[in-house]
Structure formats: structure tokens, C-alpha cells
Amino acid sequence: MANIDDFNKLDIRVGTIIDASLNQKAKKPAYKLKIDFGPSIGIKKSSAQITDLYSTNDLIGKQILAVVNFPERQVADFISEVLVLGTYSENGVVLIEPDRKVKNGDKLG
């Protein structure tokens, strides 16, 4: 069972998606995302399997939550630097996002 110390090891931050395109070489449908996490973290990339409910146009400007301190992961020919968070719903992954606009880089706490 996980405890609060395990949770506190995760660095979960708010970022704004600034670019989205289809990751055509991924085994499962996914988007290549560029996400702005503010000046202290910068712009990071992620491959996200969120194509069922979102188009690339839907994603630009959307604030999301992501784990920014996991090791990089290679997805086909793309290096994914952060893990975008979402819930597995009946119709596909639904992104976790703040219900109000906040600063990029704000930490979940």
C-alpha cells in the first residue's frame, strides 16, 4: 500500500499545452504535446494517448496536470519527458485540469 511519503515524491505541476500533433509512429494512437510549465521548469514534451476525446485543436491552450519528475520514456522515435494525468473513462481518457486558470508551474499540494 502507498503512503503519504510515496505521494510526496511525485512532483505534479500545472502546464499549458502549446503544441499538439499526431504521434504517427506510436503503437497506440497518441499525440505529441509541448507543454509550458513556466520559467522554473520550462517547456517539456509528452506523448499522450488522449486521441479518443480530444483533437489537436482542442488541446492548444488547455491547462493540464502532469508528473514532471519521472524518468524520460521513449515512445517510438519521440522522447516523452512528463506524464500527463487523466482518468480512464468509458469513452477514453479525460484530462485532469484546474477548474480555474492558474500559473504554469503551480504545484499540486
N, C-alpha and C. Protein backbone atom coordinates (compact mmCIF):
# COMPACT_ATOMS: atom_id res chain seq x y z
N MET A 1 0.84 -1.18 0.00
CA MET A 1 0.00 0.00 0.00
C MET A 1 0.89 1.24 0.00
N ALA A 2 0.51 2.24 -0.78
CA ALA A 2 1.25 3.50 -0.83
C ALA A 2 0.93 4.33 0.42
N ASN A 3 1.87 5.18 0.78
CA ASN A 3 1.63 6.08 1.91
C ASN A 3 1.89 7.52 1.47
N ILE A 4 1.71 8.46 2.39
CA ILE A 4 1.85 9.88 2.05
C ILE A 4 3.27 10.22 1.59
N ASP A 5 4.26 9.53 2.13
CA ASP A 5 5.64 9.78 1.69
C ASP A 5 5.82 9.41 0.22
N ASP A 6 5.16 8.33 -0.22
CA ASP A 6 5.22 7.93 -1.63
C ASP A 6 4.57 9.02 -2.50
N PHE A 7 3.42 9.52 -2.08
CA PHE A 7 2.73 10.57 -2.83
C PHE A 7 3.58 11.84 -2.91
N ASN A 8 4.22 12.19 -1.80
CA ASN A 8 5.02 13.42 -1.75
C ASN A 8 6.25 13.37 -2.64
N LYS A 9 6.64 12.18 -3.10
CA LYS A 9 7.77 12.06 -4.02
C LYS A 9 7.41 12.54 -5.43
N LEU A 10 6.11 12.56 -5.73
CA LEU A 10 5.66 12.99 -7.06
C LEU A 10 5.65 14.50 -7.14
N ASP A 11 6.19 15.03 -8.22
CA ASP A 11 6.15 16.46 -8.49
C ASP A 11 5.11 16.67 -9.59
N ILE A 12 3.90 17.05 -9.18
CA ILE A 12 2.79 17.23 -10.11
C ILE A 12 2.56 18.72 -10.28
N ARG A 13 2.65 19.18 -11.54
CA ARG A 13 2.59 20.61 -11.85
C ARG A 13 1.55 20.91 -12.92
N VAL A 14 1.13 22.16 -12.94
CA VAL A 14 0.22 22.66 -13.97
C VAL A 14 1.04 23.16 -15.15
N GLY A 15 0.60 22.81 -16.34
CA GLY A 15 1.22 23.31 -17.56
C GLY A 15 0.16 23.61 -18.60
N THR A 16 0.52 24.43 -19.58
CA THR A 16 -0.39 24.77 -20.68
C THR A 16 0.14 24.15 -21.95
N ILE A 17 -0.72 23.43 -22.64
CA ILE A 17 -0.33 22.80 -23.90
C ILE A 17 -0.18 23.89 -24.96
N ILE A 18 1.01 23.97 -25.56
CA ILE A 18 1.27 25.00 -26.56
C ILE A 18 1.37 24.43 -27.98
N ASP A 19 1.50 23.10 -28.10
CA ASP A 19 1.56 22.47 -29.42
C ASP A 19 1.09 21.03 -29.29
N ALA A 20 0.38 20.54 -30.29
CA ALA A 20 -0.10 19.16 -30.30
C ALA A 20 -0.12 18.65 -31.73
N SER A 21 0.42 17.46 -31.92
CA SER A 21 0.39 16.82 -33.24
C SER A 21 0.29 15.31 -33.05
N LEU A 22 -0.15 14.62 -34.07
CA LEU A 22 -0.30 13.18 -34.01
C LEU A 22 1.07 12.51 -33.93
N ASN A 23 1.22 11.56 -33.01
CA ASN A 23 2.44 10.76 -32.92
C ASN A 23 2.24 9.55 -33.83
N GLN A 24 2.55 9.72 -35.10
CA GLN A 24 2.23 8.72 -36.12
C GLN A 24 2.99 7.41 -35.96
N LYS A 25 4.11 7.40 -35.26
CA LYS A 25 4.90 6.18 -35.12
C LYS A 25 4.59 5.41 -33.84
N ALA A 26 3.75 5.96 -32.97
CA ALA A 26 3.39 5.26 -31.73
C ALA A 26 2.55 4.03 -32.05
N LYS A 27 2.72 2.96 -31.25
CA LYS A 27 1.95 1.72 -31.47
C LYS A 27 0.46 1.94 -31.25
N LYS A 28 0.12 2.72 -30.21
CA LYS A 28 -1.27 3.06 -29.92
C LYS A 28 -1.47 4.54 -30.26
N PRO A 29 -2.66 4.93 -30.72
CA PRO A 29 -2.89 6.33 -31.10
C PRO A 29 -2.51 7.29 -29.96
N ALA A 30 -1.72 8.30 -30.29
CA ALA A 30 -1.24 9.25 -29.28
C ALA A 30 -0.90 10.58 -29.95
N TYR A 31 -0.84 11.61 -29.12
CA TYR A 31 -0.40 12.92 -29.56
C TYR A 31 0.97 13.24 -28.96
N LYS A 32 1.76 13.98 -29.74
CA LYS A 32 2.98 14.60 -29.23
C LYS A 32 2.57 15.97 -28.72
N LEU A 33 2.84 16.23 -27.45
CA LEU A 33 2.48 17.50 -26.84
C LEU A 33 3.72 18.28 -26.43
N LYS A 34 3.66 19.61 -26.57
CA LYS A 34 4.64 20.50 -25.96
C LYS A 34 3.87 21.29 -24.91
N ILE A 35 4.39 21.27 -23.68
CA ILE A 35 3.67 21.85 -22.55
C ILE A 35 4.57 22.85 -21.84
N ASP A 36 4.03 24.05 -21.61
CA ASP A 36 4.76 25.11 -20.92
C ASP A 36 4.46 25.04 -19.42
N PHE A 37 5.50 24.74 -18.63
CA PHE A 37 5.37 24.64 -17.18
C PHE A 37 5.94 25.87 -16.47
N GLY A 38 6.10 26.97 -17.19
CA GLY A 38 6.59 28.19 -16.57
C GLY A 38 8.10 28.26 -16.53
N PRO A 39 8.64 29.40 -16.03
CA PRO A 39 10.08 29.65 -16.10
C PRO A 39 10.96 28.68 -15.31
N SER A 40 10.47 28.14 -14.21
CA SER A 40 11.35 27.27 -13.40
C SER A 40 11.52 25.88 -14.00
N ILE A 41 10.55 25.41 -14.77
CA ILE A 41 10.62 24.07 -15.37
C ILE A 41 10.80 24.15 -16.87
N GLY A 42 10.14 25.11 -17.50
CA GLY A 42 10.27 25.29 -18.94
C GLY A 42 9.27 24.48 -19.75
N ILE A 43 9.59 24.30 -21.01
CA ILE A 43 8.73 23.57 -21.94
C ILE A 43 9.19 22.12 -21.97
N LYS A 44 8.25 21.21 -21.77
CA LYS A 44 8.53 19.78 -21.78
C LYS A 44 7.64 19.10 -22.80
N LYS A 45 8.06 17.90 -23.23
CA LYS A 45 7.32 17.13 -24.23
C LYS A 45 6.66 15.92 -23.57
N SER A 46 5.53 15.50 -24.14
CA SER A 46 4.87 14.30 -23.67
C SER A 46 4.16 13.62 -24.82
N SER A 47 4.15 12.29 -24.79
CA SER A 47 3.32 11.52 -25.71
C SER A 47 2.12 11.05 -24.89
N ALA A 48 0.92 11.43 -25.32
CA ALA A 48 -0.28 11.15 -24.53
C ALA A 48 -1.33 10.43 -25.37
N GLN A 49 -1.85 9.33 -24.83
CA GLN A 49 -2.88 8.55 -25.51
C GLN A 49 -4.25 9.13 -25.16
N ILE A 50 -4.55 10.27 -25.76
CA ILE A 50 -5.79 11.00 -25.46
C ILE A 50 -6.57 11.33 -26.74
N THR A 51 -6.39 10.52 -27.77
CA THR A 51 -6.97 10.83 -29.08
C THR A 51 -8.46 10.54 -29.17
N ASP A 52 -9.02 9.74 -28.26
CA ASP A 52 -10.44 9.39 -28.34
C ASP A 52 -11.35 10.59 -28.12
N LEU A 53 -10.98 11.47 -27.18
CA LEU A 53 -11.88 12.56 -26.80
C LEU A 53 -11.38 13.95 -27.17
N TYR A 54 -10.14 14.06 -27.65
CA TYR A 54 -9.56 15.37 -27.92
C TYR A 54 -8.96 15.42 -29.32
N SER A 55 -9.17 16.55 -30.00
CA SER A 55 -8.46 16.81 -31.25
C SER A 55 -7.26 17.69 -30.90
N THR A 56 -6.33 17.84 -31.81
CA THR A 56 -5.18 18.70 -31.55
C THR A 56 -5.64 20.14 -31.30
N ASN A 57 -6.67 20.59 -32.00
CA ASN A 57 -7.18 21.95 -31.79
C ASN A 57 -7.78 22.13 -30.40
N ASP A 58 -8.43 21.08 -29.86
CA ASP A 58 -9.00 21.14 -28.51
C ASP A 58 -7.92 21.35 -27.46
N LEU A 59 -6.72 20.86 -27.73
CA LEU A 59 -5.67 20.82 -26.71
C LEU A 59 -4.88 22.11 -26.56
N ILE A 60 -4.73 22.87 -27.65
CA ILE A 60 -3.92 24.08 -27.59
C ILE A 60 -4.54 25.08 -26.61
N GLY A 61 -3.73 25.52 -25.64
CA GLY A 61 -4.18 26.48 -24.64
C GLY A 61 -4.79 25.85 -23.40
N LYS A 62 -4.97 24.53 -23.41
CA LYS A 62 -5.57 23.83 -22.26
C LYS A 62 -4.54 23.65 -21.16
N GLN A 63 -4.93 23.98 -19.93
CA GLN A 63 -4.07 23.71 -18.78
C GLN A 63 -4.33 22.29 -18.29
N ILE A 64 -3.25 21.59 -17.97
CA ILE A 64 -3.34 20.19 -17.54
C ILE A 64 -2.44 20.00 -16.32
N LEU A 65 -2.55 18.83 -15.70
CA LEU A 65 -1.64 18.42 -14.64
C LEU A 65 -0.77 17.30 -15.17
N ALA A 66 0.50 17.31 -14.76
CA ALA A 66 1.43 16.28 -15.21
C ALA A 66 2.48 16.02 -14.14
N VAL A 67 2.96 14.79 -14.10
CA VAL A 67 4.09 14.43 -13.25
C VAL A 67 5.35 14.84 -14.02
N VAL A 68 6.15 15.71 -13.40
CA VAL A 68 7.33 16.23 -14.11
C VAL A 68 8.64 15.63 -13.62
N ASN A 69 8.60 14.70 -12.65
CA ASN A 69 9.85 14.14 -12.14
C ASN A 69 9.98 12.63 -12.35
N PHE A 70 9.29 12.09 -13.34
CA PHE A 70 9.53 10.71 -13.76
C PHE A 70 10.68 10.70 -14.76
N PRO A 71 11.37 9.57 -14.90
CA PRO A 71 12.41 9.48 -15.93
C PRO A 71 11.80 9.61 -17.33
N GLU A 72 12.59 10.11 -18.28
CA GLU A 72 12.14 10.19 -19.67
C GLU A 72 11.80 8.80 -20.18
N ARG A 73 10.87 8.76 -21.14
CA ARG A 73 10.45 7.48 -21.71
C ARG A 73 10.37 7.63 -23.22
N GLN A 74 10.95 6.67 -23.93
CA GLN A 74 10.90 6.73 -25.39
C GLN A 74 9.62 6.07 -25.88
N VAL A 75 8.88 6.80 -26.72
CA VAL A 75 7.67 6.30 -27.36
C VAL A 75 7.92 6.41 -28.85
N ALA A 76 8.16 5.27 -29.48
CA ALA A 76 8.58 5.23 -30.89
C ALA A 76 9.84 6.08 -31.03
N ASP A 77 9.82 7.11 -31.89
CA ASP A 77 11.02 7.94 -32.09
C ASP A 77 10.95 9.25 -31.29
N PHE A 78 10.11 9.29 -30.27
CA PHE A 78 9.83 10.52 -29.51
C PHE A 78 10.18 10.30 -28.04
N ILE A 79 10.85 11.27 -27.43
CA ILE A 79 11.17 11.20 -26.00
C ILE A 79 10.10 11.94 -25.22
N SER A 80 9.38 11.22 -24.36
CA SER A 80 8.35 11.80 -23.52
C SER A 80 8.98 12.14 -22.17
N GLU A 81 8.92 13.43 -21.80
CA GLU A 81 9.61 13.92 -20.61
C GLU A 81 8.71 14.01 -19.38
N VAL A 82 7.40 14.10 -19.57
CA VAL A 82 6.46 14.22 -18.45
C VAL A 82 5.26 13.31 -18.70
N LEU A 83 4.57 12.95 -17.62
CA LEU A 83 3.38 12.11 -17.71
C LEU A 83 2.14 12.97 -17.47
N VAL A 84 1.36 13.18 -18.53
CA VAL A 84 0.12 13.94 -18.44
C VAL A 84 -0.91 13.06 -17.72
N LEU A 85 -1.65 13.66 -16.78
CA LEU A 85 -2.58 12.89 -15.96
C LEU A 85 -4.00 12.97 -16.52
N GLY A 86 -4.68 11.84 -16.46
CA GLY A 86 -6.07 11.75 -16.88
C GLY A 86 -6.73 10.56 -16.23
N THR A 87 -8.04 10.48 -16.39
CA THR A 87 -8.80 9.35 -15.87
C THR A 87 -9.24 8.48 -17.04
N TYR A 88 -9.27 7.18 -16.81
CA TYR A 88 -9.78 6.27 -17.83
C TYR A 88 -11.29 6.22 -17.70
N SER A 89 -11.99 6.81 -18.65
CA SER A 89 -13.44 6.84 -18.63
C SER A 89 -13.98 5.87 -19.67
N GLU A 90 -15.27 5.75 -19.71
CA GLU A 90 -15.93 4.83 -20.63
C GLU A 90 -15.59 5.12 -22.09
N ASN A 91 -15.42 6.41 -22.43
CA ASN A 91 -15.21 6.79 -23.83
C ASN A 91 -13.77 7.15 -24.16
N GLY A 92 -12.87 7.06 -23.19
CA GLY A 92 -11.48 7.40 -23.42
C GLY A 92 -10.92 8.18 -22.23
N VAL A 93 -9.67 8.59 -22.36
CA VAL A 93 -9.01 9.30 -21.27
C VAL A 93 -9.51 10.74 -21.20
N VAL A 94 -9.87 11.17 -19.98
CA VAL A 94 -10.28 12.55 -19.72
C VAL A 94 -9.16 13.22 -18.94
N LEU A 95 -8.67 14.33 -19.45
CA LEU A 95 -7.55 15.03 -18.81
C LEU A 95 -7.94 15.62 -17.47
N ILE A 96 -6.98 15.64 -16.54
CA ILE A 96 -7.15 16.32 -15.27
C ILE A 96 -6.67 17.76 -15.48
N GLU A 97 -7.54 18.71 -15.16
CA GLU A 97 -7.20 20.11 -15.38
C GLU A 97 -7.75 20.97 -14.24
N PRO A 98 -7.08 22.09 -13.95
CA PRO A 98 -7.60 23.00 -12.92
C PRO A 98 -8.94 23.57 -13.36
N ASP A 99 -9.82 23.85 -12.39
CA ASP A 99 -11.12 24.43 -12.76
C ASP A 99 -11.06 25.95 -12.89
N ARG A 100 -9.89 26.53 -12.59
CA ARG A 100 -9.63 27.96 -12.79
C ARG A 100 -8.25 28.11 -13.39
N LYS A 101 -8.05 29.17 -14.13
CA LYS A 101 -6.72 29.43 -14.70
C LYS A 101 -5.76 29.75 -13.57
N VAL A 102 -4.60 29.08 -13.60
CA VAL A 102 -3.56 29.28 -12.61
C VAL A 102 -2.24 29.48 -13.33
N LYS A 103 -1.17 29.77 -12.58
CA LYS A 103 0.15 29.97 -13.18
C LYS A 103 0.73 28.63 -13.60
N ASN A 104 1.35 28.63 -14.78
CA ASN A 104 2.11 27.45 -15.21
C ASN A 104 3.21 27.18 -14.18
N GLY A 105 3.35 25.93 -13.81
CA GLY A 105 4.36 25.55 -12.83
C GLY A 105 3.80 25.40 -11.43
N ASP A 106 2.55 25.87 -11.19
CA ASP A 106 1.95 25.67 -9.87
C ASP A 106 1.96 24.20 -9.52
N LYS A 107 2.24 23.92 -8.26
CA LYS A 107 2.40 22.54 -7.78
C LYS A 107 1.13 22.04 -7.11
N LEU A 108 0.77 20.80 -7.42
CA LEU A 108 -0.32 20.14 -6.71
C LEU A 108 0.16 19.90 -5.29
N GLY A 109 -0.65 20.27 -4.32
CA GLY A 109 -0.18 20.12 -2.95
C GLY A 109 -1.27 19.82 -1.98
